[in-house]
Amino acid sequence: GGKSCLKKSGCPISTLSNKQKTQLIQDIRAKHHQVKLKVLFKVLKLNRKTYYDNVKNRINQADKYALVKEKIQEIYYGYEGQETYGYRPMWGALRDEGFKLSLETVRKLMRSLGIKTTIYHKNTGKYSSYKGNVGKKAPNILNQTFDETIPYKVLHTDVTEYKLTNGKKVYISPVVDEASLEILACAVSYSPEMKTIYNMLDELADNLPPGAAPILHSDQGFQYQNPGYQARLKKMNIIQSMSRKGNCHDNAPGETIFNLMKREKLNRLKIGSLEEMKEILKDYIYWFNNVRRSNKLKYTTPVKYRNRVLSNL
């Protein structure tokens, strides 16, 4: 943590000027990337604005990118180790902070800092909920046309599994908005049965705006053929759409988001319990919706995209 790093530096904090504190923070961050700036600000009693003013006005005058390098590190290491920012999303984040740089400059600066996007491709195993014709199938309304731009019009859902370190499997049922990519609901349990799906629908109902009547697309899993599920959708004024049997491309937007969830977070961790999984997913979904920038959304976040589009309707 920040305090242990400061102890190693051997500097009595009370004797340091603000400029010396700024230099000390940079020295610590050079050796300990994981130490958050806000922790060091608190320990050193240094105002955030003062720090950046010092960086801008005094530190490393030979490097005109000193300030933007600090900001890149703050963004990259700044959210609980969620180190999956490529240079394009980083460019979008810097743009929102007032830095006007080319994509190529951002890429070179990230490379100079030794920053590489970390994506893991470990396969956690596939889950198929298809059990044949066990209920009523809905038509494939979307028919692989994934061009919705207005939030709350088209949603995608699926069930995916993850094996815990205790040997048990958990089943995750998220819902993603096709236009904004916002994850609107996510239920997780030890069972893929209907209770999990109903919990997902309860959360979705809480997050849909009044008057929304979206299409909800899924595969032909037994959960989605269930009469109870279909009755709940009707009550929620949701139109059901289903992929053709065995065609994952029919639910491509959903598959993409669910795979990202595994690659960016779940496959990087060893998760030991259902409760731990719930906390991790809660944290990831907040990050995904509010912090992560998508190339598809022109490097803005799902929530910002949703708010911008709805405000212009």
Protein backbone atom coordinates (compact mmCIF):
# COMPACT_ATOMS: atom_id res chain seq x y z
CA GLY A 1 0.00 0.00 0.00
CA GLY A 2 0.92 3.67 -0.06
CA LYS A 3 2.07 3.86 3.56
CA SER A 4 4.48 0.94 3.27
CA CYS A 5 5.99 2.48 0.13
CA LEU A 6 6.45 5.77 1.93
CA LYS A 7 8.15 4.06 4.87
CA LYS A 8 10.63 2.48 2.47
CA SER A 9 11.40 5.91 1.05
CA GLY A 10 12.60 7.04 4.49
CA CYS A 11 11.22 10.57 4.04
CA PRO A 12 9.54 12.33 6.99
CA ILE A 13 6.33 13.53 5.35
CA SER A 14 5.91 16.60 7.54
CA THR A 15 9.16 18.11 6.23
CA LEU A 16 8.29 17.81 2.53
CA SER A 17 7.12 20.66 0.34
CA ASN A 18 4.29 20.07 -2.13
CA LYS A 19 6.80 19.87 -4.97
CA GLN A 20 8.84 17.28 -3.06
CA LYS A 21 5.67 15.30 -2.36
CA THR A 22 4.89 15.39 -6.08
CA GLN A 23 8.34 14.04 -6.91
CA LEU A 24 8.00 11.36 -4.21
CA ILE A 25 4.68 10.21 -5.67
CA GLN A 26 6.25 9.90 -9.11
CA ASP A 27 9.17 7.92 -7.69
CA ILE A 28 6.82 5.53 -5.88
CA ARG A 29 4.56 5.10 -8.90
CA ALA A 30 7.53 4.30 -11.12
CA LYS A 31 8.33 1.28 -8.91
CA HIS A 32 4.85 0.36 -7.67
CA HIS A 33 2.27 0.79 -10.46
CA GLN A 34 -0.47 -0.77 -8.37
CA VAL A 35 -0.42 1.96 -5.72
CA LYS A 36 -3.33 4.26 -6.47
CA LEU A 37 -2.79 8.00 -6.73
CA LYS A 38 -5.75 8.75 -4.47
CA VAL A 39 -4.12 6.68 -1.70
CA LEU A 40 -0.86 8.59 -2.02
CA PHE A 41 -2.70 11.93 -2.09
CA LYS A 42 -4.43 10.99 1.17
CA VAL A 43 -1.31 9.71 2.93
CA LEU A 44 0.80 12.68 1.86
CA LYS A 45 -2.01 15.19 2.40
CA LEU A 46 -1.51 16.53 -1.12
CA ASN A 47 -4.33 18.06 -3.13
CA ARG A 48 -4.98 16.35 -6.47
CA LYS A 49 -5.00 19.64 -8.38
CA THR A 50 -1.75 20.75 -6.72
CA TYR A 51 -0.12 17.51 -7.79
CA TYR A 52 -1.11 17.90 -11.44
CA ASP A 53 -0.15 21.58 -11.42
CA ASN A 54 3.31 20.61 -10.18
CA VAL A 55 3.63 17.89 -12.80
CA LYS A 56 2.58 20.30 -15.51
CA ASN A 57 4.73 23.26 -14.42
CA ARG A 58 7.90 21.74 -13.06
CA ILE A 59 8.51 18.05 -13.47
CA ASN A 60 10.45 16.74 -16.42
CA GLN A 61 10.35 19.81 -18.63
CA ALA A 62 12.21 17.86 -21.32
CA ASP A 63 9.21 15.55 -21.71
CA LYS A 64 6.21 17.45 -23.03
CA TYR A 65 4.11 14.33 -22.46
CA ALA A 66 4.86 14.03 -18.72
CA LEU A 67 1.33 15.01 -17.70
CA VAL A 68 -0.43 12.79 -20.21
CA LYS A 69 1.79 9.85 -19.21
CA GLU A 70 0.64 10.29 -15.61
CA LYS A 71 -2.96 10.38 -16.77
CA ILE A 72 -2.49 7.24 -18.88
CA GLN A 73 -1.17 5.36 -15.85
CA GLU A 74 -3.96 6.70 -13.66
CA ILE A 75 -6.58 5.48 -16.14
CA TYR A 76 -4.91 2.14 -16.84
CA TYR A 77 -4.17 1.14 -13.24
CA GLY A 78 -6.95 3.15 -11.66
CA TYR A 79 -9.85 0.70 -11.34
CA GLU A 80 -9.08 -2.32 -9.20
CA GLY A 81 -6.54 -3.78 -11.61
CA GLN A 82 -8.92 -3.80 -14.56
CA GLU A 83 -5.95 -3.52 -16.92
CA THR A 84 -7.60 -4.20 -20.26
CA TYR A 85 -7.45 -0.79 -21.93
CA GLY A 86 -6.12 -0.83 -25.47
CA TYR A 87 -4.81 2.36 -27.04
CA ARG A 88 -8.09 3.20 -28.80
CA PRO A 89 -10.24 3.25 -25.63
CA MET A 90 -7.37 5.05 -23.89
CA TRP A 91 -7.50 7.69 -26.61
CA GLY A 92 -11.21 8.13 -25.90
CA ALA A 93 -10.60 8.45 -22.16
CA LEU A 94 -7.84 11.03 -22.69
CA ARG A 95 -10.07 12.95 -25.09
CA ASP A 96 -12.70 13.27 -22.36
CA GLU A 97 -9.99 14.56 -20.00
CA GLY A 98 -9.11 17.33 -22.45
CA PHE A 99 -6.00 15.80 -24.07
CA LYS A 100 -6.03 16.23 -27.85
CA LEU A 101 -3.70 13.56 -29.21
CA SER A 102 -3.62 11.29 -32.23
CA LEU A 103 -4.25 7.57 -31.87
CA GLU A 104 -0.67 6.87 -32.91
CA THR A 105 0.72 9.19 -30.21
CA VAL A 106 -1.34 7.44 -27.54
CA ARG A 107 -0.17 4.06 -28.79
CA LYS A 108 3.49 5.15 -28.64
CA LEU A 109 3.11 6.66 -25.16
CA MET A 110 1.52 3.48 -23.82
CA ARG A 111 4.33 1.44 -25.36
CA SER A 112 6.95 3.77 -23.80
CA LEU A 113 5.35 3.15 -20.40
CA GLY A 114 5.48 -0.60 -20.91
CA ILE A 115 1.70 -0.84 -20.95
CA LYS A 116 0.20 -3.72 -22.88
CA THR A 117 -3.44 -4.71 -22.96
CA THR A 118 -3.95 -7.94 -21.02
CA ILE A 119 -6.54 -10.26 -22.50
CA TYR A 120 -6.79 -13.90 -21.51
CA HIS A 121 -8.33 -16.44 -23.86
CA LYS A 122 -8.60 -19.40 -21.49
CA ASN A 123 -11.71 -21.42 -22.23
CA THR A 124 -13.96 -21.93 -19.21
CA GLY A 125 -16.07 -24.55 -20.96
CA LYS A 126 -19.22 -24.27 -23.00
CA TYR A 127 -22.72 -24.66 -21.64
CA SER A 128 -25.68 -25.67 -23.74
CA SER A 129 -29.16 -25.26 -22.32
CA TYR A 130 -30.80 -26.83 -25.37
CA LYS A 131 -32.95 -29.85 -24.49
CA GLY A 132 -34.94 -30.18 -27.68
CA ASN A 133 -38.52 -29.07 -28.25
CA VAL A 134 -39.65 -28.70 -24.64
CA GLY A 135 -41.95 -25.72 -25.11
CA LYS A 136 -43.07 -23.03 -27.50
CA LYS A 137 -40.37 -21.49 -29.70
CA ALA A 138 -40.42 -17.83 -30.66
CA PRO A 139 -39.59 -16.58 -34.17
CA ASN A 140 -36.15 -15.21 -35.02
CA ILE A 141 -37.24 -11.58 -35.33
CA LEU A 142 -33.72 -10.17 -35.56
CA ASN A 143 -32.46 -12.59 -38.25
CA GLN A 144 -28.84 -11.48 -37.67
CA THR A 145 -29.69 -7.80 -38.20
CA PHE A 146 -27.79 -6.12 -35.37
CA ASP A 147 -28.04 -2.44 -36.22
CA GLU A 148 -30.16 -1.00 -33.41
CA THR A 149 -28.86 2.41 -32.24
CA ILE A 150 -31.55 3.39 -29.72
CA PRO A 151 -31.26 1.94 -26.17
CA TYR A 152 -33.97 -0.30 -24.69
CA LYS A 153 -35.21 -1.45 -28.12
CA VAL A 154 -33.31 -4.75 -28.56
CA LEU A 155 -31.80 -6.82 -25.74
CA HIS A 156 -29.84 -10.09 -25.73
CA THR A 157 -29.60 -12.76 -23.04
CA ASP A 158 -27.91 -16.12 -22.54
CA VAL A 159 -26.73 -18.49 -19.82
CA THR A 160 -23.04 -19.24 -19.41
CA GLU A 161 -21.24 -21.42 -16.87
CA TYR A 162 -18.08 -20.97 -14.82
CA LYS A 163 -16.25 -23.55 -12.70
CA LEU A 164 -15.24 -22.39 -9.21
CA THR A 165 -12.07 -23.50 -7.46
CA ASN A 166 -14.21 -25.63 -5.11
CA GLY A 167 -15.22 -27.74 -8.12
CA LYS A 168 -18.79 -26.46 -8.29
CA LYS A 169 -20.23 -24.72 -11.31
CA VAL A 170 -22.13 -21.45 -11.28
CA TYR A 171 -24.46 -20.24 -14.00
CA ILE A 172 -24.52 -16.61 -15.10
CA SER A 173 -27.50 -15.07 -16.87
CA PRO A 174 -26.87 -11.50 -18.10
CA VAL A 175 -28.91 -9.17 -20.32
CA VAL A 176 -27.18 -6.69 -22.62
CA ASP A 177 -28.62 -3.79 -24.61
CA GLU A 178 -27.72 -4.15 -28.30
CA ALA A 179 -27.44 -0.39 -28.93
CA SER A 180 -25.56 0.85 -25.86
CA LEU A 181 -23.90 -2.47 -24.86
CA GLU A 182 -25.01 -1.72 -21.30
CA ILE A 183 -25.43 -4.80 -19.10
CA LEU A 184 -28.94 -4.24 -17.72
CA ALA A 185 -29.24 -7.29 -15.49
CA CYS A 186 -27.21 -10.28 -14.36
CA ALA A 187 -28.27 -13.21 -12.19
CA VAL A 188 -25.88 -15.88 -10.93
CA SER A 189 -26.52 -19.12 -9.01
CA TYR A 190 -25.50 -22.75 -8.68
CA SER A 191 -28.39 -23.78 -10.94
CA PRO A 192 -29.36 -22.89 -14.52
CA GLU A 193 -33.00 -23.57 -13.69
CA MET A 194 -35.88 -21.11 -13.90
CA LYS A 195 -35.33 -19.35 -10.56
CA THR A 196 -32.08 -17.89 -11.92
CA ILE A 197 -33.84 -16.68 -15.07
CA TYR A 198 -36.67 -15.15 -13.04
CA ASN A 199 -34.15 -13.32 -10.85
CA MET A 200 -32.62 -11.92 -14.04
CA LEU A 201 -36.04 -10.76 -15.23
CA ASP A 202 -36.76 -9.11 -11.86
CA GLU A 203 -33.57 -7.08 -12.12
CA LEU A 204 -34.28 -6.25 -15.75
CA ALA A 205 -37.76 -4.98 -14.81
CA ASP A 206 -36.18 -2.63 -12.27
CA ASN A 207 -33.79 -1.21 -14.87
CA LEU A 208 -36.12 -0.74 -17.83
CA PRO A 209 -37.68 2.73 -18.18
CA PRO A 210 -41.49 3.10 -18.04
CA GLY A 211 -43.11 2.32 -21.35
CA ALA A 212 -40.22 0.25 -22.70
CA ALA A 213 -41.29 -2.62 -24.95
CA PRO A 214 -38.03 -4.21 -26.12
CA ILE A 215 -37.28 -7.33 -28.09
CA LEU A 216 -35.41 -9.86 -25.91
CA HIS A 217 -33.39 -12.29 -28.02
CA SER A 218 -32.01 -15.63 -26.77
CA ASP A 219 -31.09 -19.07 -28.02
CA GLN A 220 -33.51 -22.02 -27.88
CA GLY A 221 -32.48 -23.05 -24.36
CA PHE A 222 -35.12 -24.85 -22.30
CA GLN A 223 -35.41 -21.83 -20.00
CA TYR A 224 -36.58 -19.63 -22.86
CA GLN A 225 -39.12 -22.20 -24.11
CA ASN A 226 -40.61 -22.36 -20.60
CA PRO A 227 -44.27 -21.17 -20.45
CA GLY A 228 -43.58 -19.33 -17.18
CA TYR A 229 -40.73 -17.38 -18.77
CA GLN A 230 -42.83 -16.50 -21.79
CA ALA A 231 -45.71 -15.38 -19.57
CA ARG A 232 -43.34 -13.12 -17.61
CA LEU A 233 -42.11 -11.53 -20.83
CA LYS A 234 -45.68 -10.86 -21.93
CA LYS A 235 -46.48 -9.27 -18.57
CA MET A 236 -43.36 -7.07 -18.90
CA ASN A 237 -44.42 -6.02 -22.43
CA ILE A 238 -41.31 -7.69 -23.89
CA ILE A 239 -41.32 -9.29 -27.34
CA GLN A 240 -39.50 -12.63 -27.50
CA SER A 241 -37.07 -13.55 -30.29
CA MET A 242 -35.05 -16.77 -30.62
CA SER A 243 -32.00 -17.89 -32.57
CA ARG A 244 -32.26 -20.82 -34.91
CA LYS A 245 -31.14 -24.13 -33.43
CA GLY A 246 -27.35 -24.37 -33.11
CA ASN A 247 -26.63 -20.98 -34.70
CA CYS A 248 -24.58 -18.87 -32.26
CA HIS A 249 -24.26 -16.09 -34.86
CA ASP A 250 -27.96 -15.33 -34.39
CA ASN A 251 -27.14 -14.01 -30.90
CA ALA A 252 -23.74 -12.50 -31.77
CA PRO A 253 -23.99 -9.24 -29.74
CA GLY A 254 -24.89 -11.20 -26.64
CA GLU A 255 -22.15 -13.78 -27.21
CA THR A 256 -19.58 -10.99 -27.68
CA ILE A 257 -20.38 -9.28 -24.37
CA PHE A 258 -20.55 -12.53 -22.44
CA ASN A 259 -17.18 -13.62 -23.84
CA LEU A 260 -15.69 -10.25 -22.87
CA MET A 261 -16.94 -10.78 -19.32
CA LYS A 262 -15.00 -14.03 -19.16
CA ARG A 263 -11.87 -12.81 -20.93
CA GLU A 264 -11.55 -9.47 -19.17
CA LYS A 265 -12.44 -10.57 -15.66
CA LEU A 266 -13.51 -14.09 -14.79
CA ASN A 267 -10.70 -15.99 -16.53
CA ARG A 268 -8.10 -13.81 -14.83
CA LEU A 269 -9.20 -14.88 -11.35
CA LYS A 270 -9.56 -17.95 -9.19
CA ILE A 271 -13.03 -17.62 -7.72
CA GLY A 272 -13.92 -19.87 -4.80
CA SER A 273 -17.56 -19.26 -3.94
CA LEU A 274 -20.89 -18.05 -5.24
CA GLU A 275 -20.82 -14.99 -2.97
CA GLU A 276 -17.37 -14.05 -4.23
CA MET A 277 -18.59 -14.43 -7.81
CA LYS A 278 -21.55 -12.13 -7.11
CA GLU A 279 -19.27 -9.40 -5.75
CA ILE A 280 -16.84 -9.72 -8.66
CA LEU A 281 -19.65 -9.52 -11.22
CA LYS A 282 -21.20 -6.51 -9.48
CA ASP A 283 -17.86 -4.70 -9.62
CA TYR A 284 -17.16 -5.71 -13.22
CA ILE A 285 -20.60 -4.69 -14.48
CA TYR A 286 -20.25 -1.24 -12.90
CA TRP A 287 -16.84 -0.89 -14.59
CA PHE A 288 -18.16 -2.20 -17.90
CA ASN A 289 -21.15 0.14 -17.97
CA ASN A 290 -19.55 3.29 -16.56
CA VAL A 291 -15.80 3.14 -17.24
CA ARG A 292 -14.99 0.79 -20.12
CA ARG A 293 -14.99 2.44 -23.55
CA SER A 294 -16.10 0.51 -26.59
CA ASN A 295 -14.77 0.86 -30.12
CA LYS A 296 -18.31 0.28 -31.40
CA LEU A 297 -19.54 3.28 -29.38
CA LYS A 298 -16.72 5.49 -30.72
CA TYR A 299 -14.74 5.12 -27.48
CA THR A 300 -17.41 6.25 -25.07
CA THR A 301 -19.03 4.19 -22.28
CA PRO A 302 -22.39 2.39 -22.45
CA VAL A 303 -24.01 4.71 -19.90
CA LYS A 304 -22.73 7.87 -21.60
CA TYR A 305 -23.92 6.56 -24.97
CA ARG A 306 -27.35 5.71 -23.57
CA ASN A 307 -27.78 9.11 -21.90
CA ARG A 308 -26.62 11.00 -24.98
CA VAL A 309 -28.92 9.16 -27.39
CA LEU A 310 -31.99 9.36 -25.14
CA SER A 311 -31.46 13.07 -24.50
CA ASN A 312 -31.58 13.70 -28.26
CA LEU A 313 -34.80 11.79 -28.93
